[in-house]
């Protein structure tokens, strides 16, 4: 996990076979902007030479704070460091905890119909439409029913999924059953369970982990962790937990300024960002990011993770009662 304090950018241009090749690379450092610039210059020079030699490299690196920043460190404002744990402000303004070893997992309760099920439903409805059209001896009837099938497949699948979920006891019960099945096979594991606005957050406390470890991938798959979160944990080699509310859930409709929210910003734009952050923090003070529900498993807490648990629960207001979760 790398979360630098300083960033820089270097561009290199070269005329090659009547075409201009432009390369952009970033550099970073925990020490100084000069060190970050030296790294950016070095990376740009190396990339240009590799591209001219015929290697299929990307010419430009995109500005990306976290999601989509494959191969680059987390590009977010560092708010605090607590040993190896780092608190940053993400692209939409929320505070986030980044840890190289504390295994967090997000489980989203989504009612969106699964694409595979929609395709199956569409196929069955298409066959039914064709059969009814043939039985009635009317091609227009079959065609009209097929058009209705296109419109009805997705909402029909969503409705059936909701019925099936209700029969099983709802999202949370299904998620907890998956967790308990995993723990039955892995009795050493211990998990703290938190409720979030959109699902559950899990924190494994019995041992530290590396984000790329096979047992982490197996755990994510077993509990149904959010696929985007899983991919970014692997890319960034760290785990992550949001500590403050999402702005749109607490009445802040305006995006953090300036857009797109990556760090650093130009000095001339810093007052706009600071004004937005001040308004956001004032509004977010009345909300928790999650609420602690229970601990399940062996009961073990590794010494390395005690401080992470305390930091997370304090900053996320996980123990607060009577407070909205956003």
C-alpha atoms as a PDB file:
ATOM      1  CA  UNK A   1       0.000   0.000   0.000  1.00  0.00           C
ATOM      2  CA  UNK A   2       1.350   3.411  -0.986  1.00  0.00           C
ATOM      3  CA  UNK A   3      -0.415   6.679  -0.129  1.00  0.00           C
ATOM      4  CA  UNK A   4       2.019   9.507  -0.960  1.00  0.00           C
ATOM      5  CA  UNK A   5       1.885  13.064   0.344  1.00  0.00           C
ATOM      6  CA  UNK A   6       3.432  14.649  -2.767  1.00  0.00           C
ATOM      7  CA  UNK A   7       2.644  14.276  -6.468  1.00  0.00           C
ATOM      8  CA  UNK A   8       4.176  15.614  -9.685  1.00  0.00           C
ATOM      9  CA  UNK A   9       3.736  15.153 -13.427  1.00  0.00           C
ATOM     10  CA  UNK A  10       6.159  14.985 -16.352  1.00  0.00           C
ATOM     11  CA  UNK A  11       5.482  15.137 -20.097  1.00  0.00           C
ATOM     12  CA  UNK A  12       7.764  14.049 -22.889  1.00  0.00           C
ATOM     13  CA  UNK A  13       7.219  14.646 -26.608  1.00  0.00           C
ATOM     14  CA  UNK A  14       9.060  13.111 -29.536  1.00  0.00           C
ATOM     15  CA  UNK A  15       8.619  13.275 -33.329  1.00  0.00           C
ATOM     16  CA  UNK A  16       8.552   9.720 -34.611  1.00  0.00           C
ATOM     17  CA  UNK A  17       7.910   8.838 -38.270  1.00  0.00           C
ATOM     18  CA  UNK A  18       6.111  12.115 -38.898  1.00  0.00           C
ATOM     19  CA  UNK A  19       3.986  11.601 -35.814  1.00  0.00           C
ATOM     20  CA  UNK A  20       4.345  13.239 -32.453  1.00  0.00           C
ATOM     21  CA  UNK A  21       4.480  10.879 -29.494  1.00  0.00           C
ATOM     22  CA  UNK A  22       3.395  12.423 -26.182  1.00  0.00           C
ATOM     23  CA  UNK A  23       3.969  10.605 -22.903  1.00  0.00           C
ATOM     24  CA  UNK A  24       2.688  11.620 -19.482  1.00  0.00           C
ATOM     25  CA  UNK A  25       3.754   9.988 -16.244  1.00  0.00           C
ATOM     26  CA  UNK A  26       3.213  10.800 -12.581  1.00  0.00           C
ATOM     27  CA  UNK A  27       5.692  10.695  -9.741  1.00  0.00           C
ATOM     28  CA  UNK A  28       5.117  10.561  -6.007  1.00  0.00           C
ATOM     29  CA  UNK A  29       6.958  10.867  -2.726  1.00  0.00           C
ATOM     30  CA  UNK A  30       6.415  10.961   1.010  1.00  0.00           C
ATOM     31  CA  UNK A  31       9.307  13.397   1.372  1.00  0.00           C
ATOM     32  CA  UNK A  32       9.079  16.328  -1.054  1.00  0.00           C
ATOM     33  CA  UNK A  33       7.668  17.675  -4.312  1.00  0.00           C
ATOM     34  CA  UNK A  34      11.200  17.723  -5.745  1.00  0.00           C
ATOM     35  CA  UNK A  35      11.556  14.001  -5.141  1.00  0.00           C
ATOM     36  CA  UNK A  36       8.138  13.408  -6.714  1.00  0.00           C
ATOM     37  CA  UNK A  37       9.139  15.446  -9.771  1.00  0.00           C
ATOM     38  CA  UNK A  38      12.396  13.515 -10.156  1.00  0.00           C
ATOM     39  CA  UNK A  39      10.427  10.283 -10.121  1.00  0.00           C
ATOM     40  CA  UNK A  40       7.928  11.617 -12.684  1.00  0.00           C
ATOM     41  CA  UNK A  41      10.779  12.685 -14.980  1.00  0.00           C
ATOM     42  CA  UNK A  42      12.428   9.294 -14.696  1.00  0.00           C
ATOM     43  CA  UNK A  43       9.212   7.390 -15.351  1.00  0.00           C
ATOM     44  CA  UNK A  44       8.353   9.580 -18.352  1.00  0.00           C
ATOM     45  CA  UNK A  45      11.809   9.100 -19.886  1.00  0.00           C
ATOM     46  CA  UNK A  46      11.626   5.335 -19.401  1.00  0.00           C
ATOM     47  CA  UNK A  47       8.115   5.101 -20.831  1.00  0.00           C
ATOM     48  CA  UNK A  48       9.032   7.146 -23.908  1.00  0.00           C
ATOM     49  CA  UNK A  49      12.000   4.923 -24.675  1.00  0.00           C
ATOM     50  CA  UNK A  50       9.908   1.780 -24.235  1.00  0.00           C
ATOM     51  CA  UNK A  51       7.129   3.105 -26.494  1.00  0.00           C
ATOM     52  CA  UNK A  52       9.636   4.100 -29.190  1.00  0.00           C
ATOM     53  CA  UNK A  53      11.077   0.583 -28.933  1.00  0.00           C
ATOM     54  CA  UNK A  54       7.669  -0.808 -29.821  1.00  0.00           C
ATOM     55  CA  UNK A  55       6.302  -1.806 -26.423  1.00  0.00           C
ATOM     56  CA  UNK A  56       2.476  -1.432 -26.178  1.00  0.00           C
ATOM     57  CA  UNK A  57       2.363   0.925 -23.214  1.00  0.00           C
ATOM     58  CA  UNK A  58      -0.283   3.536 -22.436  1.00  0.00           C
ATOM     59  CA  UNK A  59       0.981   6.965 -23.407  1.00  0.00           C
ATOM     60  CA  UNK A  60      -0.964   8.912 -20.800  1.00  0.00           C
ATOM     61  CA  UNK A  61      -1.780   8.139 -17.179  1.00  0.00           C
ATOM     62  CA  UNK A  62      -5.240   9.226 -16.117  1.00  0.00           C
ATOM     63  CA  UNK A  63      -5.964  11.312 -13.057  1.00  0.00           C
ATOM     64  CA  UNK A  64      -7.720   8.840 -10.774  1.00  0.00           C
ATOM     65  CA  UNK A  65      -7.977   8.952  -6.999  1.00  0.00           C
ATOM     66  CA  UNK A  66      -8.799   5.326  -6.202  1.00  0.00           C
ATOM     67  CA  UNK A  67     -11.217   3.496  -8.499  1.00  0.00           C
ATOM     68  CA  UNK A  68      -9.510   2.926 -11.819  1.00  0.00           C
ATOM     69  CA  UNK A  69      -6.045   3.863 -10.570  1.00  0.00           C
ATOM     70  CA  UNK A  70      -4.522   0.506 -11.462  1.00  0.00           C
ATOM     71  CA  UNK A  71      -0.748   0.445 -11.084  1.00  0.00           C
ATOM     72  CA  UNK A  72      -0.611   3.810  -9.308  1.00  0.00           C
ATOM     73  CA  UNK A  73      -0.695   4.644  -5.596  1.00  0.00           C
ATOM     74  CA  UNK A  74      -3.815   6.066  -3.981  1.00  0.00           C
ATOM     75  CA  UNK A  75      -4.004   9.679  -5.124  1.00  0.00           C
ATOM     76  CA  UNK A  76      -5.960  11.297  -2.307  1.00  0.00           C
ATOM     77  CA  UNK A  77      -5.318  13.995   0.261  1.00  0.00           C
ATOM     78  CA  UNK A  78      -3.687  12.488   3.339  1.00  0.00           C
ATOM     79  CA  UNK A  79      -5.538  13.695   6.435  1.00  0.00           C
ATOM     80  CA  UNK A  80      -3.798  11.627   9.112  1.00  0.00           C
ATOM     81  CA  UNK A  81      -1.380   8.750   9.577  1.00  0.00           C
ATOM     82  CA  UNK A  82      -1.719   6.270  12.417  1.00  0.00           C
ATOM     83  CA  UNK A  83       1.253   3.955  12.064  1.00  0.00           C
ATOM     84  CA  UNK A  84       0.701   2.063   8.823  1.00  0.00           C
ATOM     85  CA  UNK A  85      -2.958   3.104   8.597  1.00  0.00           C
ATOM     86  CA  UNK A  86      -3.727   6.232   6.575  1.00  0.00           C
ATOM     87  CA  UNK A  87      -6.887   8.358   6.539  1.00  0.00           C
ATOM     88  CA  UNK A  88      -7.533  10.081   3.219  1.00  0.00           C
ATOM     89  CA  UNK A  89     -10.287  12.147   1.606  1.00  0.00           C
ATOM     90  CA  UNK A  90     -11.724  10.384  -1.417  1.00  0.00           C
ATOM     91  CA  UNK A  91     -12.844  11.844  -4.739  1.00  0.00           C
ATOM     92  CA  UNK A  92     -16.363  12.690  -3.519  1.00  0.00           C
ATOM     93  CA  UNK A  93     -15.191  14.149  -0.202  1.00  0.00           C
ATOM     94  CA  UNK A  94     -15.660  11.383   2.370  1.00  0.00           C
ATOM     95  CA  UNK A  95     -12.909  10.341   4.777  1.00  0.00           C
ATOM     96  CA  UNK A  96     -11.582   6.809   4.261  1.00  0.00           C
ATOM     97  CA  UNK A  97      -9.367   4.480   6.276  1.00  0.00           C
ATOM     98  CA  UNK A  98      -6.707   2.638   4.267  1.00  0.00           C
ATOM     99  CA  UNK A  99      -4.964  -0.313   5.883  1.00  0.00           C
ATOM    100  CA  UNK A 100      -2.328  -2.692   4.517  1.00  0.00           C
ATOM    101  CA  UNK A 101      -3.424  -5.573   6.749  1.00  0.00           C
ATOM    102  CA  UNK A 102      -6.849  -5.058   8.386  1.00  0.00           C
ATOM    103  CA  UNK A 103      -9.240  -7.126   6.284  1.00  0.00           C
ATOM    104  CA  UNK A 104     -12.428  -5.140   5.663  1.00  0.00           C
ATOM    105  CA  UNK A 105     -15.132  -6.420   3.325  1.00  0.00           C
ATOM    106  CA  UNK A 106     -18.218  -4.613   2.018  1.00  0.00           C
ATOM    107  CA  UNK A 107     -21.381  -6.565   1.227  1.00  0.00           C
ATOM    108  CA  UNK A 108     -23.945  -4.607  -0.794  1.00  0.00           C
ATOM    109  CA  UNK A 109     -27.659  -5.406  -0.566  1.00  0.00           C
ATOM    110  CA  UNK A 110     -28.629  -4.914  -4.198  1.00  0.00           C
ATOM    111  CA  UNK A 111     -32.035  -5.609  -5.738  1.00  0.00           C
ATOM    112  CA  UNK A 112     -30.737  -5.177  -9.274  1.00  0.00           C
ATOM    113  CA  UNK A 113     -31.694  -8.212 -11.399  1.00  0.00           C
ATOM    114  CA  UNK A 114     -28.785 -10.413 -12.378  1.00  0.00           C
ATOM    115  CA  UNK A 115     -27.880 -10.243 -16.053  1.00  0.00           C
ATOM    116  CA  UNK A 116     -27.747 -14.019 -16.470  1.00  0.00           C
ATOM    117  CA  UNK A 117     -31.247 -14.404 -15.061  1.00  0.00           C
ATOM    118  CA  UNK A 118     -32.578 -11.644 -17.304  1.00  0.00           C
ATOM    119  CA  UNK A 119     -31.178 -13.396 -20.377  1.00  0.00           C
ATOM    120  CA  UNK A 120     -32.763 -16.693 -19.335  1.00  0.00           C
ATOM    121  CA  UNK A 121     -36.114 -14.994 -18.735  1.00  0.00           C
ATOM    122  CA  UNK A 122     -35.900 -13.216 -22.094  1.00  0.00           C
ATOM    123  CA  UNK A 123     -35.182 -16.499 -23.866  1.00  0.00           C
ATOM    124  CA  UNK A 124     -38.154 -18.235 -22.218  1.00  0.00           C
ATOM    125  CA  UNK A 125     -40.482 -15.319 -22.953  1.00  0.00           C
ATOM    126  CA  UNK A 126     -39.295 -15.240 -26.552  1.00  0.00           C
ATOM    127  CA  UNK A 127     -40.057 -18.962 -26.966  1.00  0.00           C
ATOM    128  CA  UNK A 128     -43.445 -18.465 -25.328  1.00  0.00           C
ATOM    129  CA  UNK A 129     -44.222 -15.511 -27.636  1.00  0.00           C
ATOM    130  CA  UNK A 130     -43.292 -17.536 -30.718  1.00  0.00           C
ATOM    131  CA  UNK A 131     -45.382 -20.518 -29.554  1.00  0.00           C
ATOM    132  CA  UNK A 132     -48.440 -18.365 -28.907  1.00  0.00           C
ATOM    133  CA  UNK A 133     -48.026 -16.648 -32.252  1.00  0.00           C
ATOM    134  CA  UNK A 134     -47.849 -19.994 -34.054  1.00  0.00           C
ATOM    135  CA  UNK A 135     -50.808 -21.396 -32.101  1.00  0.00           C
ATOM    136  CA  UNK A 136     -52.914 -18.373 -32.994  1.00  0.00           C
ATOM    137  CA  UNK A 137     -51.660 -18.380 -36.575  1.00  0.00           C
ATOM    138  CA  UNK A 138     -50.693 -14.731 -36.227  1.00  0.00           C
ATOM    139  CA  UNK A 139     -47.154 -13.490 -36.807  1.00  0.00           C
ATOM    140  CA  UNK A 140     -48.066  -9.930 -35.665  1.00  0.00           C
ATOM    141  CA  UNK A 141     -49.327 -11.386 -32.378  1.00  0.00           C
ATOM    142  CA  UNK A 142     -46.065 -13.269 -31.859  1.00  0.00           C
ATOM    143  CA  UNK A 143     -44.059 -10.161 -32.721  1.00  0.00           C
ATOM    144  CA  UNK A 144     -46.093  -7.996 -30.370  1.00  0.00           C
ATOM    145  CA  UNK A 145     -45.688 -10.474 -27.525  1.00  0.00           C
ATOM    146  CA  UNK A 146     -41.940 -10.576 -28.184  1.00  0.00           C
ATOM    147  CA  UNK A 147     -41.745  -6.770 -27.893  1.00  0.00           C
ATOM    148  CA  UNK A 148     -43.602  -7.026 -24.585  1.00  0.00           C
ATOM    149  CA  UNK A 149     -41.085  -9.687 -23.525  1.00  0.00           C
ATOM    150  CA  UNK A 150     -38.233  -7.241 -24.090  1.00  0.00           C
ATOM    151  CA  UNK A 151     -39.939  -4.742 -21.803  1.00  0.00           C
ATOM    152  CA  UNK A 152     -41.046  -7.235 -19.169  1.00  0.00           C
ATOM    153  CA  UNK A 153     -37.990  -9.475 -18.711  1.00  0.00           C
ATOM    154  CA  UNK A 154     -35.992  -7.242 -16.368  1.00  0.00           C
ATOM    155  CA  UNK A 155     -38.834  -6.129 -14.045  1.00  0.00           C
ATOM    156  CA  UNK A 156     -40.160  -9.713 -13.956  1.00  0.00           C
ATOM    157  CA  UNK A 157     -36.779 -11.056 -12.846  1.00  0.00           C
ATOM    158  CA  UNK A 158     -36.426  -8.274 -10.249  1.00  0.00           C
ATOM    159  CA  UNK A 159     -39.871  -9.127  -8.841  1.00  0.00           C
ATOM    160  CA  UNK A 160     -39.089 -12.857  -8.679  1.00  0.00           C
ATOM    161  CA  UNK A 161     -35.729 -12.151  -6.981  1.00  0.00           C
ATOM    162  CA  UNK A 162     -37.463 -10.026  -4.354  1.00  0.00           C
ATOM    163  CA  UNK A 163     -39.988 -12.791  -3.680  1.00  0.00           C
ATOM    164  CA  UNK A 164     -37.206 -15.366  -3.343  1.00  0.00           C
ATOM    165  CA  UNK A 165     -35.257 -13.059  -1.030  1.00  0.00           C
ATOM    166  CA  UNK A 166     -38.290 -12.454   1.188  1.00  0.00           C
ATOM    167  CA  UNK A 167     -38.846 -16.206   1.412  1.00  0.00           C
ATOM    168  CA  UNK A 168     -35.274 -16.580   2.692  1.00  0.00           C
ATOM    169  CA  UNK A 169     -35.683 -13.838   5.307  1.00  0.00           C
ATOM    170  CA  UNK A 170     -34.261 -10.794   3.544  1.00  0.00           C
ATOM    171  CA  UNK A 171     -30.828  -9.477   2.588  1.00  0.00           C
ATOM    172  CA  UNK A 172     -29.289  -9.383   6.051  1.00  0.00           C
ATOM    173  CA  UNK A 173     -30.356 -12.894   7.020  1.00  0.00           C
ATOM    174  CA  UNK A 174     -29.040 -14.314   3.736  1.00  0.00           C
ATOM    175  CA  UNK A 175     -25.727 -12.474   4.225  1.00  0.00           C
ATOM    176  CA  UNK A 176     -25.370 -13.713   7.801  1.00  0.00           C
ATOM    177  CA  UNK A 177     -26.078 -17.279   6.683  1.00  0.00           C
ATOM    178  CA  UNK A 178     -23.228 -17.036   4.167  1.00  0.00           C
ATOM    179  CA  UNK A 179     -20.953 -15.662   6.893  1.00  0.00           C
ATOM    180  CA  UNK A 180     -21.889 -18.454   9.290  1.00  0.00           C
ATOM    181  CA  UNK A 181     -21.249 -21.102   6.619  1.00  0.00           C
ATOM    182  CA  UNK A 182     -17.787 -19.649   6.074  1.00  0.00           C
ATOM    183  CA  UNK A 183     -17.043 -19.586   9.812  1.00  0.00           C
ATOM    184  CA  UNK A 184     -18.167 -23.187  10.192  1.00  0.00           C
ATOM    185  CA  UNK A 185     -15.357 -24.213   7.832  1.00  0.00           C
ATOM    186  CA  UNK A 186     -12.861 -21.651   9.234  1.00  0.00           C
ATOM    187  CA  UNK A 187     -13.333 -21.766  13.031  1.00  0.00           C
ATOM    188  CA  UNK A 188     -10.239 -19.654  13.760  1.00  0.00           C
ATOM    189  CA  UNK A 189     -11.727 -16.622  12.011  1.00  0.00           C
ATOM    190  CA  UNK A 190     -13.386 -13.808  13.951  1.00  0.00           C
ATOM    191  CA  UNK A 191     -15.476 -11.098  12.294  1.00  0.00           C
ATOM    192  CA  UNK A 192     -16.898  -7.824  13.515  1.00  0.00           C
ATOM    193  CA  UNK A 193     -20.141  -7.068  11.675  1.00  0.00           C
ATOM    194  CA  UNK A 194     -21.308  -3.505  10.993  1.00  0.00           C
ATOM    195  CA  UNK A 195     -24.504  -2.252   9.358  1.00  0.00           C
ATOM    196  CA  UNK A 196     -24.036   0.286   6.571  1.00  0.00           C
ATOM    197  CA  UNK A 197     -26.706   2.200   4.619  1.00  0.00           C
ATOM    198  CA  UNK A 198     -26.406  -0.265   1.746  1.00  0.00           C
ATOM    199  CA  UNK A 199     -25.438  -3.531   3.406  1.00  0.00           C
ATOM    200  CA  UNK A 200     -22.846  -4.921   5.806  1.00  0.00           C
ATOM    201  CA  UNK A 201     -19.203  -4.219   6.581  1.00  0.00           C
ATOM    202  CA  UNK A 202     -17.018  -7.005   7.931  1.00  0.00           C
ATOM    203  CA  UNK A 203     -13.702  -6.666   9.752  1.00  0.00           C
ATOM    204  CA  UNK A 204     -11.587  -9.758  10.380  1.00  0.00           C
ATOM    205  CA  UNK A 205      -9.834  -9.407  13.736  1.00  0.00           C
ATOM    206  CA  UNK A 206      -8.080 -12.729  14.356  1.00  0.00           C
ATOM    207  CA  UNK A 207      -5.098 -12.067  12.045  1.00  0.00           C
ATOM    208  CA  UNK A 208      -3.610  -9.473   9.670  1.00  0.00           C
ATOM    209  CA  UNK A 209      -3.750 -10.279   5.954  1.00  0.00           C
ATOM    210  CA  UNK A 210      -2.244  -9.237   2.648  1.00  0.00           C
ATOM    211  CA  UNK A 211      -4.811  -8.057   0.113  1.00  0.00           C
ATOM    212  CA  UNK A 212      -3.462 -10.372  -2.591  1.00  0.00           C
ATOM    213  CA  UNK A 213      -3.474 -13.518  -0.419  1.00  0.00           C
ATOM    214  CA  UNK A 214      -5.503 -16.508  -1.735  1.00  0.00           C
ATOM    215  CA  UNK A 215      -7.391 -16.855   1.566  1.00  0.00           C
ATOM    216  CA  UNK A 216      -8.574 -13.248   1.215  1.00  0.00           C
ATOM    217  CA  UNK A 217      -9.938 -13.940  -2.267  1.00  0.00           C
ATOM    218  CA  UNK A 218     -11.683 -17.053  -0.945  1.00  0.00           C
ATOM    219  CA  UNK A 219     -13.210 -15.053   1.910  1.00  0.00           C
ATOM    220  CA  UNK A 220     -14.447 -12.302  -0.415  1.00  0.00           C
ATOM    221  CA  UNK A 221     -16.077 -14.900  -2.664  1.00  0.00           C
ATOM    222  CA  UNK A 222     -17.664 -16.815   0.229  1.00  0.00           C
ATOM    223  CA  UNK A 223     -19.340 -13.780   1.819  1.00  0.00           C
ATOM    224  CA  UNK A 224     -20.302 -12.096  -1.467  1.00  0.00           C
ATOM    225  CA  UNK A 225     -18.122  -8.995  -1.168  1.00  0.00           C
ATOM    226  CA  UNK A 226     -18.691  -6.111  -3.582  1.00  0.00           C
ATOM    227  CA  UNK A 227     -16.766  -6.946  -6.810  1.00  0.00           C
ATOM    228  CA  UNK A 228     -15.524  -3.375  -7.328  1.00  0.00           C
ATOM    229  CA  UNK A 229     -14.168  -3.265  -3.787  1.00  0.00           C
ATOM    230  CA  UNK A 230     -12.494  -6.656  -4.262  1.00  0.00           C
ATOM    231  CA  UNK A 231     -10.788  -5.516  -7.461  1.00  0.00           C
ATOM    232  CA  UNK A 232      -9.492  -2.284  -5.936  1.00  0.00           C
ATOM    233  CA  UNK A 233      -8.162  -4.080  -2.846  1.00  0.00           C
ATOM    234  CA  UNK A 234      -6.110  -6.251  -5.166  1.00  0.00           C
ATOM    235  CA  UNK A 235      -4.930  -3.334  -7.305  1.00  0.00           C
ATOM    236  CA  UNK A 236      -3.986  -1.103  -4.375  1.00  0.00           C
ATOM    237  CA  UNK A 237      -2.765  -3.921  -2.119  1.00  0.00           C
ATOM    238  CA  UNK A 238      -4.730  -2.593   0.804  1.00  0.00           C
ATOM    239  CA  UNK A 239      -8.123  -2.702   2.470  1.00  0.00           C
ATOM    240  CA  UNK A 240     -10.405   0.284   2.834  1.00  0.00           C
ATOM    241  CA  UNK A 241     -13.359   1.500   4.887  1.00  0.00           C
ATOM    242  CA  UNK A 242     -15.321   4.726   4.491  1.00  0.00           C
ATOM    243  CA  UNK A 243     -15.365   6.714   7.753  1.00  0.00           C
ATOM    244  CA  UNK A 244     -17.812   9.528   6.995  1.00  0.00           C
ATOM    245  CA  UNK A 245     -21.103   9.987   5.190  1.00  0.00           C
ATOM    246  CA  UNK A 246     -21.623  10.058   1.447  1.00  0.00           C
ATOM    247  CA  UNK A 247     -22.445  13.705   0.625  1.00  0.00           C
ATOM    248  CA  UNK A 248     -25.634  12.995  -1.340  1.00  0.00           C
ATOM    249  CA  UNK A 249     -27.076  11.102   1.623  1.00  0.00           C
ATOM    250  CA  UNK A 250     -26.838  14.121   3.934  1.00  0.00           C
ATOM    251  CA  UNK A 251     -28.320  16.780   1.686  1.00  0.00           C
ATOM    252  CA  UNK A 252     -25.194  17.940  -0.148  1.00  0.00           C
ATOM    253  CA  UNK A 253     -26.029  17.810  -3.838  1.00  0.00           C
ATOM    254  CA  UNK A 254     -22.994  19.640  -5.157  1.00  0.00           C
ATOM    255  CA  UNK A 255     -19.870  17.662  -6.012  1.00  0.00           C
ATOM    256  CA  UNK A 256     -16.659  18.488  -4.200  1.00  0.00           C
ATOM    257  CA  UNK A 257     -14.923  21.402  -5.883  1.00  0.00           C
ATOM    258  CA  UNK A 258     -12.892  21.549  -7.994  1.00  0.00           C
ATOM    259  CA  UNK A 259     -13.765  18.514 -10.060  1.00  0.00           C
ATOM    260  CA  UNK A 260     -12.815  15.686 -10.498  1.00  0.00           C
ATOM    261  CA  UNK A 261     -11.702  15.588  -6.852  1.00  0.00           C
ATOM    262  CA  UNK A 262      -8.204  14.171  -7.294  1.00  0.00           C
ATOM    263  CA  UNK A 263      -5.289  15.416  -5.235  1.00  0.00           C
ATOM    264  CA  UNK A 264      -3.408  17.723  -5.265  1.00  0.00           C
ATOM    265  CA  UNK A 265      -5.301  20.753  -6.559  1.00  0.00           C
ATOM    266  CA  UNK A 266      -3.875  24.027  -7.830  1.00  0.00           C
ATOM    267  CA  UNK A 267      -3.284  26.608  -5.098  1.00  0.00           C
ATOM    268  CA  UNK A 268      -5.806  28.919  -6.789  1.00  0.00           C
ATOM    269  CA  UNK A 269      -8.488  26.231  -6.434  1.00  0.00           C
ATOM    270  CA  UNK A 270      -7.713  25.311  -2.839  1.00  0.00           C
ATOM    271  CA  UNK A 271     -10.136  27.848  -1.243  1.00  0.00           C
ATOM    272  CA  UNK A 272     -13.051  26.320  -3.214  1.00  0.00           C
ATOM    273  CA  UNK A 273     -12.140  22.871  -1.968  1.00  0.00           C
ATOM    274  CA  UNK A 274     -11.693  24.025   1.611  1.00  0.00           C
ATOM    275  CA  UNK A 275     -15.088  25.773   1.590  1.00  0.00           C
ATOM    276  CA  UNK A 276     -16.804  22.634   0.293  1.00  0.00           C
ATOM    277  CA  UNK A 277     -15.017  20.427   2.829  1.00  0.00           C
ATOM    278  CA  UNK A 278     -15.982  22.727   5.710  1.00  0.00           C
ATOM    279  CA  UNK A 279     -19.661  22.585   4.736  1.00  0.00           C
ATOM    280  CA  UNK A 280     -19.486  18.839   4.269  1.00  0.00           C
ATOM    281  CA  UNK A 281     -17.796  18.141   7.600  1.00  0.00           C
ATOM    282  CA  UNK A 282     -20.354  20.264   9.419  1.00  0.00           C
ATOM    283  CA  UNK A 283     -23.205  18.280   7.856  1.00  0.00           C
ATOM    284  CA  UNK A 284     -21.464  14.901   8.285  1.00  0.00           C
ATOM    285  CA  UNK A 285     -20.901  15.454  12.002  1.00  0.00           C
ATOM    286  CA  UNK A 286     -24.445  14.260  12.694  1.00  0.00           C
ATOM    287  CA  UNK A 287     -24.058  10.905  10.949  1.00  0.00           C
ATOM    288  CA  UNK A 288     -22.232   7.620  11.378  1.00  0.00           C
ATOM    289  CA  UNK A 289     -20.704   5.715   8.472  1.00  0.00           C
ATOM    290  CA  UNK A 290     -21.759   2.382   9.989  1.00  0.00           C
ATOM    291  CA  UNK A 291     -23.072   0.870  13.219  1.00  0.00           C
ATOM    292  CA  UNK A 292     -21.533  -2.068  15.043  1.00  0.00           C
ATOM    293  CA  UNK A 293     -23.916  -5.021  15.147  1.00  0.00           C
ATOM    294  CA  UNK A 294     -22.117  -8.052  16.542  1.00  0.00           C
ATOM    295  CA  UNK A 295     -18.940 -10.125  16.565  1.00  0.00           C
ATOM    296  CA  UNK A 296     -19.064 -13.697  15.300  1.00  0.00           C
ATOM    297  CA  UNK A 297     -16.489 -16.454  15.257  1.00  0.00           C
ATOM    298  CA  UNK A 298     -13.618 -17.413  17.515  1.00  0.00           C
ATOM    299  CA  UNK A 299     -13.491 -14.191  19.516  1.00  0.00           C
ATOM    300  CA  UNK A 300      -9.780 -13.759  18.763  1.00  0.00           C
ATOM    301  CA  UNK A 301      -8.345 -10.266  18.288  1.00  0.00           C
ATOM    302  CA  UNK A 302      -4.785  -9.986  16.994  1.00  0.00           C
ATOM    303  CA  UNK A 303      -2.649  -7.370  18.829  1.00  0.00           C
ATOM    304  CA  UNK A 304      -1.769  -5.661  15.515  1.00  0.00           C
ATOM    305  CA  UNK A 305      -5.459  -5.018  14.846  1.00  0.00           C
ATOM    306  CA  UNK A 306      -6.598  -3.635  18.203  1.00  0.00           C
ATOM    307  CA  UNK A 307      -5.583  -0.102  17.272  1.00  0.00           C
ATOM    308  CA  UNK A 308      -7.243  -0.402  13.858  1.00  0.00           C
ATOM    309  CA  UNK A 309     -10.526  -1.464  15.465  1.00  0.00           C
ATOM    310  CA  UNK A 310     -10.433   1.461  17.883  1.00  0.00           C
ATOM    311  CA  UNK A 311      -9.500   3.912  15.124  1.00  0.00           C
ATOM    312  CA  UNK A 312     -12.185   2.677  12.754  1.00  0.00           C
ATOM    313  CA  UNK A 313     -14.973   2.575  15.336  1.00  0.00           C
ATOM    314  CA  UNK A 314     -14.130   6.021  16.674  1.00  0.00           C
ATOM    315  CA  UNK A 315     -13.806   7.750  13.307  1.00  0.00           C
ATOM    316  CA  UNK A 316     -16.823   5.973  11.767  1.00  0.00           C
ATOM    317  CA  UNK A 317     -18.883   6.573  14.950  1.00  0.00           C
ATOM    318  CA  UNK A 318     -19.707   2.884  14.813  1.00  0.00           C
ATOM    319  CA  UNK A 319     -20.767   2.746  18.462  1.00  0.00           C
ATOM    320  CA  UNK A 320     -23.051   5.775  18.375  1.00  0.00           C
ATOM    321  CA  UNK A 321     -26.740   5.124  18.938  1.00  0.00           C
ATOM    322  CA  UNK A 322     -29.600   7.336  17.841  1.00  0.00           C
ATOM    323  CA  UNK A 323     -27.468   8.700  15.005  1.00  0.00           C
ATOM    324  CA  UNK A 324     -28.325   8.376  11.331  1.00  0.00           C
ATOM    325  CA  UNK A 325     -26.147   6.157   9.166  1.00  0.00           C
ATOM    326  CA  UNK A 326     -25.221   7.643   5.799  1.00  0.00           C
END
